[in-house]
Amino acid sequence: NSFLWPFLMTSSPGVQPVEVGLAA
């Protein structure tokens, strides 16, 4: 369920989790 940390630390879908994908 983590969102903020991977959202700030990653930029490519190749390593991002699903929660960051919701930002699309």
mmCIF file of all heavy atoms, coordinates in Angstrom:
data_MODEL
# 
_entry.id   MODEL 
# 
loop_
_atom_site.group_PDB 
_atom_site.id 
_atom_site.type_symbol 
_atom_site.label_atom_id 
_atom_site.label_alt_id 
_atom_site.label_comp_id 
_atom_site.label_asym_id 
_atom_site.label_entity_id 
_atom_site.label_seq_id 
_atom_site.pdbx_PDB_ins_code 
_atom_site.Cartn_x 
_atom_site.Cartn_y 
_atom_site.Cartn_z 
_atom_site.occupancy 
_atom_site.B_iso_or_equiv 
_atom_site.pdbx_formal_charge 
_atom_site.auth_seq_id 
_atom_site.auth_comp_id 
_atom_site.auth_asym_id 
_atom_site.auth_atom_id 
_atom_site.pdbx_PDB_model_num 
ATOM 1   N N   . ASN A 1 1  ? 0.801  -1.220 0.000   1.00 0.00 ? 1  ASN A N   1 
ATOM 2   C CA  . ASN A 1 1  ? 0.000  0.000  0.000   1.00 0.00 ? 1  ASN A CA  1 
ATOM 3   C C   . ASN A 1 1  ? 0.838  1.277  0.000   1.00 0.00 ? 1  ASN A C   1 
ATOM 4   O O   . ASN A 1 1  ? 0.278  2.369  0.042   1.00 0.00 ? 1  ASN A O   1 
ATOM 5   C CB  . ASN A 1 1  ? -0.918 0.016  1.229   1.00 0.00 ? 1  ASN A CB  1 
ATOM 6   C CG  . ASN A 1 1  ? -1.968 -1.076 1.168   1.00 0.00 ? 1  ASN A CG  1 
ATOM 7   O OD1 . ASN A 1 1  ? -2.495 -1.387 0.109   1.00 0.00 ? 1  ASN A OD1 1 
ATOM 8   N ND2 . ASN A 1 1  ? -2.281 -1.668 2.317   1.00 0.00 ? 1  ASN A ND2 1 
ATOM 9   N N   . SER A 1 2  ? 2.152  1.151  -0.039  1.00 0.00 ? 2  SER A N   1 
ATOM 10  C CA  . SER A 1 2  ? 3.011  2.333  -0.005  1.00 0.00 ? 2  SER A CA  1 
ATOM 11  C C   . SER A 1 2  ? 2.873  3.154  -1.285  1.00 0.00 ? 2  SER A C   1 
ATOM 12  O O   . SER A 1 2  ? 2.893  2.610  -2.396  1.00 0.00 ? 2  SER A O   1 
ATOM 13  C CB  . SER A 1 2  ? 4.469  1.898  0.190   1.00 0.00 ? 2  SER A CB  1 
ATOM 14  O OG  . SER A 1 2  ? 5.325  3.023  0.183   1.00 0.00 ? 2  SER A OG  1 
ATOM 15  N N   . PHE A 1 3  ? 2.762  4.454  -1.133  1.00 0.00 ? 3  PHE A N   1 
ATOM 16  C CA  . PHE A 1 3  ? 2.629  5.324  -2.302  1.00 0.00 ? 3  PHE A CA  1 
ATOM 17  C C   . PHE A 1 3  ? 3.671  6.447  -2.322  1.00 0.00 ? 3  PHE A C   1 
ATOM 18  O O   . PHE A 1 3  ? 4.382  6.626  -3.303  1.00 0.00 ? 3  PHE A O   1 
ATOM 19  C CB  . PHE A 1 3  ? 1.232  5.950  -2.341  1.00 0.00 ? 3  PHE A CB  1 
ATOM 20  C CG  . PHE A 1 3  ? 1.102  7.046  -3.377  1.00 0.00 ? 3  PHE A CG  1 
ATOM 21  C CD1 . PHE A 1 3  ? 1.005  6.737  -4.727  1.00 0.00 ? 3  PHE A CD1 1 
ATOM 22  C CD2 . PHE A 1 3  ? 1.088  8.389  -3.001  1.00 0.00 ? 3  PHE A CD2 1 
ATOM 23  C CE1 . PHE A 1 3  ? 0.902  7.738  -5.682  1.00 0.00 ? 3  PHE A CE1 1 
ATOM 24  C CE2 . PHE A 1 3  ? 0.988  9.390  -3.943  1.00 0.00 ? 3  PHE A CE2 1 
ATOM 25  C CZ  . PHE A 1 3  ? 0.890  9.062  -5.289  1.00 0.00 ? 3  PHE A CZ  1 
ATOM 26  N N   . LEU A 1 4  ? 3.766  7.216  -1.220  1.00 0.00 ? 4  LEU A N   1 
ATOM 27  C CA  . LEU A 1 4  ? 4.602  8.418  -1.231  1.00 0.00 ? 4  LEU A CA  1 
ATOM 28  C C   . LEU A 1 4  ? 6.069  8.097  -1.503  1.00 0.00 ? 4  LEU A C   1 
ATOM 29  O O   . LEU A 1 4  ? 6.710  8.753  -2.337  1.00 0.00 ? 4  LEU A O   1 
ATOM 30  C CB  . LEU A 1 4  ? 4.465  9.154  0.112   1.00 0.00 ? 4  LEU A CB  1 
ATOM 31  C CG  . LEU A 1 4  ? 5.270  10.451 0.231   1.00 0.00 ? 4  LEU A CG  1 
ATOM 32  C CD1 . LEU A 1 4  ? 4.835  11.454 -0.832  1.00 0.00 ? 4  LEU A CD1 1 
ATOM 33  C CD2 . LEU A 1 4  ? 5.121  11.052 1.631   1.00 0.00 ? 4  LEU A CD2 1 
ATOM 34  N N   . TRP A 1 5  ? 6.618  7.103  -0.800  1.00 0.00 ? 5  TRP A N   1 
ATOM 35  C CA  . TRP A 1 5  ? 8.040  6.786  -0.970  1.00 0.00 ? 5  TRP A CA  1 
ATOM 36  C C   . TRP A 1 5  ? 8.378  6.365  -2.402  1.00 0.00 ? 5  TRP A C   1 
ATOM 37  O O   . TRP A 1 5  ? 9.264  6.965  -3.024  1.00 0.00 ? 5  TRP A O   1 
ATOM 38  C CB  . TRP A 1 5  ? 8.448  5.720  0.040   1.00 0.00 ? 5  TRP A CB  1 
ATOM 39  C CG  . TRP A 1 5  ? 9.897  5.354  -0.015  1.00 0.00 ? 5  TRP A CG  1 
ATOM 40  C CD1 . TRP A 1 5  ? 10.468 4.341  -0.736  1.00 0.00 ? 5  TRP A CD1 1 
ATOM 41  C CD2 . TRP A 1 5  ? 10.983 6.007  0.659   1.00 0.00 ? 5  TRP A CD2 1 
ATOM 42  N NE1 . TRP A 1 5  ? 11.825 4.308  -0.550  1.00 0.00 ? 5  TRP A NE1 1 
ATOM 43  C CE2 . TRP A 1 5  ? 12.168 5.329  0.306   1.00 0.00 ? 5  TRP A CE2 1 
ATOM 44  C CE3 . TRP A 1 5  ? 11.050 7.088  1.529   1.00 0.00 ? 5  TRP A CE3 1 
ATOM 45  C CZ2 . TRP A 1 5  ? 13.405 5.704  0.800   1.00 0.00 ? 5  TRP A CZ2 1 
ATOM 46  C CZ3 . TRP A 1 5  ? 12.285 7.463  2.011   1.00 0.00 ? 5  TRP A CZ3 1 
ATOM 47  C CH2 . TRP A 1 5  ? 13.451 6.779  1.650   1.00 0.00 ? 5  TRP A CH2 1 
ATOM 48  N N   . PRO A 1 6  ? 7.720  5.357  -2.974  1.00 0.00 ? 6  PRO A N   1 
ATOM 49  C CA  . PRO A 1 6  ? 8.064  4.999  -4.360  1.00 0.00 ? 6  PRO A CA  1 
ATOM 50  C C   . PRO A 1 6  ? 7.715  6.088  -5.360  1.00 0.00 ? 6  PRO A C   1 
ATOM 51  O O   . PRO A 1 6  ? 8.370  6.211  -6.402  1.00 0.00 ? 6  PRO A O   1 
ATOM 52  C CB  . PRO A 1 6  ? 7.249  3.724  -4.607  1.00 0.00 ? 6  PRO A CB  1 
ATOM 53  C CG  . PRO A 1 6  ? 6.157  3.756  -3.605  1.00 0.00 ? 6  PRO A CG  1 
ATOM 54  C CD  . PRO A 1 6  ? 6.724  4.440  -2.407  1.00 0.00 ? 6  PRO A CD  1 
ATOM 55  N N   . PHE A 1 7  ? 6.707  6.900  -5.067  1.00 0.00 ? 7  PHE A N   1 
ATOM 56  C CA  . PHE A 1 7  ? 6.341  7.984  -5.975  1.00 0.00 ? 7  PHE A CA  1 
ATOM 57  C C   . PHE A 1 7  ? 7.470  9.010  -6.072  1.00 0.00 ? 7  PHE A C   1 
ATOM 58  O O   . PHE A 1 7  ? 7.742  9.561  -7.151  1.00 0.00 ? 7  PHE A O   1 
ATOM 59  C CB  . PHE A 1 7  ? 5.057  8.658  -5.486  1.00 0.00 ? 7  PHE A CB  1 
ATOM 60  C CG  . PHE A 1 7  ? 4.594  9.788  -6.358  1.00 0.00 ? 7  PHE A CG  1 
ATOM 61  C CD1 . PHE A 1 7  ? 3.995  9.540  -7.583  1.00 0.00 ? 7  PHE A CD1 1 
ATOM 62  C CD2 . PHE A 1 7  ? 4.757  11.107 -5.950  1.00 0.00 ? 7  PHE A CD2 1 
ATOM 63  C CE1 . PHE A 1 7  ? 3.566  10.585 -8.391  1.00 0.00 ? 7  PHE A CE1 1 
ATOM 64  C CE2 . PHE A 1 7  ? 4.336  12.160 -6.744  1.00 0.00 ? 7  PHE A CE2 1 
ATOM 65  C CZ  . PHE A 1 7  ? 3.737  11.901 -7.974  1.00 0.00 ? 7  PHE A CZ  1 
ATOM 66  N N   . LEU A 1 8  ? 8.144  9.274  -4.948  1.00 0.00 ? 8  LEU A N   1 
ATOM 67  C CA  . LEU A 1 8  ? 9.233  10.248 -4.928  1.00 0.00 ? 8  LEU A CA  1 
ATOM 68  C C   . LEU A 1 8  ? 10.554 9.665  -5.409  1.00 0.00 ? 8  LEU A C   1 
ATOM 69  O O   . LEU A 1 8  ? 11.373 10.367 -5.996  1.00 0.00 ? 8  LEU A O   1 
ATOM 70  C CB  . LEU A 1 8  ? 9.413  10.805 -3.511  1.00 0.00 ? 8  LEU A CB  1 
ATOM 71  C CG  . LEU A 1 8  ? 8.259  11.627 -2.941  1.00 0.00 ? 8  LEU A CG  1 
ATOM 72  C CD1 . LEU A 1 8  ? 8.543  12.004 -1.493  1.00 0.00 ? 8  LEU A CD1 1 
ATOM 73  C CD2 . LEU A 1 8  ? 8.005  12.876 -3.769  1.00 0.00 ? 8  LEU A CD2 1 
ATOM 74  N N   . MET A 1 9  ? 10.763 8.370  -5.151  1.00 0.00 ? 9  MET A N   1 
ATOM 75  C CA  . MET A 1 9  ? 12.062 7.769  -5.406  1.00 0.00 ? 9  MET A CA  1 
ATOM 76  C C   . MET A 1 9  ? 12.168 7.075  -6.768  1.00 0.00 ? 9  MET A C   1 
ATOM 77  O O   . MET A 1 9  ? 13.270 6.673  -7.158  1.00 0.00 ? 9  MET A O   1 
ATOM 78  C CB  . MET A 1 9  ? 12.387 6.749  -4.307  1.00 0.00 ? 9  MET A CB  1 
ATOM 79  C CG  . MET A 1 9  ? 12.469 7.345  -2.915  1.00 0.00 ? 9  MET A CG  1 
ATOM 80  S SD  . MET A 1 9  ? 13.821 8.543  -2.758  1.00 0.00 ? 9  MET A SD  1 
ATOM 81  C CE  . MET A 1 9  ? 13.521 9.175  -1.101  1.00 0.00 ? 9  MET A CE  1 
ATOM 82  N N   . THR A 1 10 ? 11.057 6.918  -7.473  1.00 0.00 ? 10 THR A N   1 
ATOM 83  C CA  . THR A 1 10 ? 11.100 6.234  -8.769  1.00 0.00 ? 10 THR A CA  1 
ATOM 84  C C   . THR A 1 10 ? 10.431 7.100  -9.829  1.00 0.00 ? 10 THR A C   1 
ATOM 85  O O   . THR A 1 10 ? 9.621  7.976  -9.511  1.00 0.00 ? 10 THR A O   1 
ATOM 86  C CB  . THR A 1 10 ? 10.398 4.870  -8.709  1.00 0.00 ? 10 THR A CB  1 
ATOM 87  O OG1 . THR A 1 10 ? 9.011  5.056  -8.385  1.00 0.00 ? 10 THR A OG1 1 
ATOM 88  C CG2 . THR A 1 10 ? 11.039 3.978  -7.659  1.00 0.00 ? 10 THR A CG2 1 
ATOM 89  N N   . SER A 1 11 ? 10.769 6.820  -11.082 1.00 0.00 ? 11 SER A N   1 
ATOM 90  C CA  . SER A 1 11 ? 10.198 7.600  -12.182 1.00 0.00 ? 11 SER A CA  1 
ATOM 91  C C   . SER A 1 11 ? 9.788  6.752  -13.376 1.00 0.00 ? 11 SER A C   1 
ATOM 92  O O   . SER A 1 11 ? 9.109  7.257  -14.272 1.00 0.00 ? 11 SER A O   1 
ATOM 93  C CB  . SER A 1 11 ? 11.202 8.663  -12.639 1.00 0.00 ? 11 SER A CB  1 
ATOM 94  O OG  . SER A 1 11 ? 12.426 8.055  -13.048 1.00 0.00 ? 11 SER A OG  1 
ATOM 95  N N   . SER A 1 12 ? 10.161 5.481  -13.415 1.00 0.00 ? 12 SER A N   1 
ATOM 96  C CA  . SER A 1 12 ? 9.831  4.634  -14.568 1.00 0.00 ? 12 SER A CA  1 
ATOM 97  C C   . SER A 1 12 ? 8.932  3.479  -14.146 1.00 0.00 ? 12 SER A C   1 
ATOM 98  O O   . SER A 1 12 ? 9.115  2.901  -13.068 1.00 0.00 ? 12 SER A O   1 
ATOM 99  C CB  . SER A 1 12 ? 11.102 4.087  -15.217 1.00 0.00 ? 12 SER A CB  1 
ATOM 100 O OG  . SER A 1 12 ? 11.795 3.256  -14.311 1.00 0.00 ? 12 SER A OG  1 
ATOM 101 N N   . PRO A 1 13 ? 7.947  3.111  -14.983 1.00 0.00 ? 13 PRO A N   1 
ATOM 102 C CA  . PRO A 1 13 ? 7.055  1.998  -14.657 1.00 0.00 ? 13 PRO A CA  1 
ATOM 103 C C   . PRO A 1 13 ? 7.777  0.664  -14.510 1.00 0.00 ? 13 PRO A C   1 
ATOM 104 O O   . PRO A 1 13 ? 7.237  -0.274 -13.927 1.00 0.00 ? 13 PRO A O   1 
ATOM 105 C CB  . PRO A 1 13 ? 6.084  1.968  -15.845 1.00 0.00 ? 13 PRO A CB  1 
ATOM 106 C CG  . PRO A 1 13 ? 6.152  3.330  -16.439 1.00 0.00 ? 13 PRO A CG  1 
ATOM 107 C CD  . PRO A 1 13 ? 7.575  3.779  -16.232 1.00 0.00 ? 13 PRO A CD  1 
ATOM 108 N N   . GLY A 1 14 ? 9.009  0.585  -15.005 1.00 0.00 ? 14 GLY A N   1 
ATOM 109 C CA  . GLY A 1 14 ? 9.745  -0.666 -14.923 1.00 0.00 ? 14 GLY A CA  1 
ATOM 110 C C   . GLY A 1 14 ? 10.057 -1.103 -13.512 1.00 0.00 ? 14 GLY A C   1 
ATOM 111 O O   . GLY A 1 14 ? 10.279 -2.296 -13.261 1.00 0.00 ? 14 GLY A O   1 
ATOM 112 N N   . VAL A 1 15 ? 10.060 -0.162 -12.556 1.00 0.00 ? 15 VAL A N   1 
ATOM 113 C CA  . VAL A 1 15 ? 10.363 -0.503 -11.163 1.00 0.00 ? 15 VAL A CA  1 
ATOM 114 C C   . VAL A 1 15 ? 9.292  0.001  -10.200 1.00 0.00 ? 15 VAL A C   1 
ATOM 115 O O   . VAL A 1 15 ? 9.403  -0.211 -8.994  1.00 0.00 ? 15 VAL A O   1 
ATOM 116 C CB  . VAL A 1 15 ? 11.732 0.067  -10.733 1.00 0.00 ? 15 VAL A CB  1 
ATOM 117 C CG1 . VAL A 1 15 ? 12.855 -0.557 -11.545 1.00 0.00 ? 15 VAL A CG1 1 
ATOM 118 C CG2 . VAL A 1 15 ? 11.751 1.592  -10.859 1.00 0.00 ? 15 VAL A CG2 1 
ATOM 119 N N   . GLN A 1 16 ? 8.259  0.663  -10.705 1.00 0.00 ? 16 GLN A N   1 
ATOM 120 C CA  . GLN A 1 16 ? 7.250  1.243  -9.832  1.00 0.00 ? 16 GLN A CA  1 
ATOM 121 C C   . GLN A 1 16 ? 6.203  0.211  -9.400  1.00 0.00 ? 16 GLN A C   1 
ATOM 122 O O   . GLN A 1 16 ? 5.908  -0.724 -10.140 1.00 0.00 ? 16 GLN A O   1 
ATOM 123 C CB  . GLN A 1 16 ? 6.552  2.420  -10.522 1.00 0.00 ? 16 GLN A CB  1 
ATOM 124 C CG  . GLN A 1 16 ? 7.427  3.654  -10.659 1.00 0.00 ? 16 GLN A CG  1 
ATOM 125 C CD  . GLN A 1 16 ? 6.742  4.765  -11.416 1.00 0.00 ? 16 GLN A CD  1 
ATOM 126 O OE1 . GLN A 1 16 ? 5.854  4.530  -12.230 1.00 0.00 ? 16 GLN A OE1 1 
ATOM 127 N NE2 . GLN A 1 16 ? 7.153  6.003  -11.147 1.00 0.00 ? 16 GLN A NE2 1 
ATOM 128 N N   . PRO A 1 17 ? 5.593  0.389  -8.202  1.00 0.00 ? 17 PRO A N   1 
ATOM 129 C CA  . PRO A 1 17 ? 4.525  -0.499 -7.743  1.00 0.00 ? 17 PRO A CA  1 
ATOM 130 C C   . PRO A 1 17 ? 3.153  -0.016 -8.218  1.00 0.00 ? 17 PRO A C   1 
ATOM 131 O O   . PRO A 1 17 ? 3.027  1.060  -8.827  1.00 0.00 ? 17 PRO A O   1 
ATOM 132 C CB  . PRO A 1 17 ? 4.642  -0.404 -6.213  1.00 0.00 ? 17 PRO A CB  1 
ATOM 133 C CG  . PRO A 1 17 ? 5.156  0.973  -5.975  1.00 0.00 ? 17 PRO A CG  1 
ATOM 134 C CD  . PRO A 1 17 ? 6.049  1.303  -7.137  1.00 0.00 ? 17 PRO A CD  1 
ATOM 135 N N   . VAL A 1 18 ? 2.123  -0.785 -7.896  1.00 0.00 ? 18 VAL A N   1 
ATOM 136 C CA  . VAL A 1 18 ? 0.780  -0.481 -8.400  1.00 0.00 ? 18 VAL A CA  1 
ATOM 137 C C   . VAL A 1 18 ? 0.235  0.822  -7.837  1.00 0.00 ? 18 VAL A C   1 
ATOM 138 O O   . VAL A 1 18 ? -0.515 1.525  -8.526  1.00 0.00 ? 18 VAL A O   1 
ATOM 139 C CB  . VAL A 1 18 ? -0.197 -1.632 -8.066  1.00 0.00 ? 18 VAL A CB  1 
ATOM 140 C CG1 . VAL A 1 18 ? 0.121  -2.860 -8.875  1.00 0.00 ? 18 VAL A CG1 1 
ATOM 141 C CG2 . VAL A 1 18 ? -0.197 -1.945 -6.580  1.00 0.00 ? 18 VAL A CG2 1 
ATOM 142 N N   . GLU A 1 19 ? 0.562  1.160  -6.599  1.00 0.00 ? 19 GLU A N   1 
ATOM 143 C CA  . GLU A 1 19 ? 0.015  2.379  -6.010  1.00 0.00 ? 19 GLU A CA  1 
ATOM 144 C C   . GLU A 1 19 ? 0.460  3.610  -6.788  1.00 0.00 ? 19 GLU A C   1 
ATOM 145 O O   . GLU A 1 19 ? -0.302 4.568  -6.927  1.00 0.00 ? 19 GLU A O   1 
ATOM 146 C CB  . GLU A 1 19 ? 0.443  2.493  -4.548  1.00 0.00 ? 19 GLU A CB  1 
ATOM 147 C CG  . GLU A 1 19 ? -0.148 1.433  -3.640  1.00 0.00 ? 19 GLU A CG  1 
ATOM 148 C CD  . GLU A 1 19 ? -1.655 1.500  -3.558  1.00 0.00 ? 19 GLU A CD  1 
ATOM 149 O OE1 . GLU A 1 19 ? -2.202 2.620  -3.617  1.00 0.00 ? 19 GLU A OE1 1 
ATOM 150 O OE2 . GLU A 1 19 ? -2.296 0.446  -3.451  1.00 0.00 ? 19 GLU A OE2 1 
ATOM 151 N N   . VAL A 1 20 ? 1.676  3.600  -7.297  1.00 0.00 ? 20 VAL A N   1 
ATOM 152 C CA  . VAL A 1 20 ? 2.148  4.728  -8.103  1.00 0.00 ? 20 VAL A CA  1 
ATOM 153 C C   . VAL A 1 20 ? 1.430  4.742  -9.447  1.00 0.00 ? 20 VAL A C   1 
ATOM 154 O O   . VAL A 1 20 ? 1.183  5.809  -10.015 1.00 0.00 ? 20 VAL A O   1 
ATOM 155 C CB  . VAL A 1 20 ? 3.672  4.654  -8.289  1.00 0.00 ? 20 VAL A CB  1 
ATOM 156 C CG1 . VAL A 1 20 ? 4.165  5.789  -9.170  1.00 0.00 ? 20 VAL A CG1 1 
ATOM 157 C CG2 . VAL A 1 20 ? 4.364  4.712  -6.937  1.00 0.00 ? 20 VAL A CG2 1 
ATOM 158 N N   . GLY A 1 21 ? 1.086  3.568  -9.957  1.00 0.00 ? 21 GLY A N   1 
ATOM 159 C CA  . GLY A 1 21 ? 0.347  3.498  -11.214 1.00 0.00 ? 21 GLY A CA  1 
ATOM 160 C C   . GLY A 1 21 ? -0.993 4.198  -11.146 1.00 0.00 ? 21 GLY A C   1 
ATOM 161 O O   . GLY A 1 21 ? -1.512 4.675  -12.169 1.00 0.00 ? 21 GLY A O   1 
ATOM 162 N N   . LEU A 1 22 ? -1.576 4.289  -9.952  1.00 0.00 ? 22 LEU A N   1 
ATOM 163 C CA  . LEU A 1 22 ? -2.866 4.969  -9.802  1.00 0.00 ? 22 LEU A CA  1 
ATOM 164 C C   . LEU A 1 22 ? -2.757 6.455  -10.095 1.00 0.00 ? 22 LEU A C   1 
ATOM 165 O O   . LEU A 1 22 ? -3.754 7.111  -10.393 1.00 0.00 ? 22 LEU A O   1 
ATOM 166 C CB  . LEU A 1 22 ? -3.406 4.759  -8.386  1.00 0.00 ? 22 LEU A CB  1 
ATOM 167 C CG  . LEU A 1 22 ? -3.740 3.309  -7.996  1.00 0.00 ? 22 LEU A CG  1 
ATOM 168 C CD1 . LEU A 1 22 ? -4.167 3.251  -6.542  1.00 0.00 ? 22 LEU A CD1 1 
ATOM 169 C CD2 . LEU A 1 22 ? -4.827 2.744  -8.894  1.00 0.00 ? 22 LEU A CD2 1 
ATOM 170 N N   . ALA A 1 23 ? -1.550 7.002  -9.995  1.00 0.00 ? 23 ALA A N   1 
ATOM 171 C CA  . ALA A 1 23 ? -1.360 8.428  -10.273 1.00 0.00 ? 23 ALA A CA  1 
ATOM 172 C C   . ALA A 1 23 ? -1.567 8.761  -11.740 1.00 0.00 ? 23 ALA A C   1 
ATOM 173 O O   . ALA A 1 23 ? -1.674 9.935  -12.108 1.00 0.00 ? 23 ALA A O   1 
ATOM 174 C CB  . ALA A 1 23 ? 0.037  8.863  -9.834  1.00 0.00 ? 23 ALA A CB  1 
ATOM 175 N N   . ALA A 1 24 ? -1.644 7.741  -12.598 1.00 0.00 ? 24 ALA A N   1 
ATOM 176 C CA  . ALA A 1 24 ? -1.853 7.981  -14.028 1.00 0.00 ? 24 ALA A CA  1 
ATOM 177 C C   . ALA A 1 24 ? -3.213 8.611  -14.315 1.00 0.00 ? 24 ALA A C   1 
ATOM 178 O O   . ALA A 1 24 ? -3.423 9.176  -15.393 1.00 0.00 ? 24 ALA A O   1 
ATOM 179 C CB  . ALA A 1 24 ? -1.717 6.663  -14.800 1.00 0.00 ? 24 ALA A CB  1 
# 
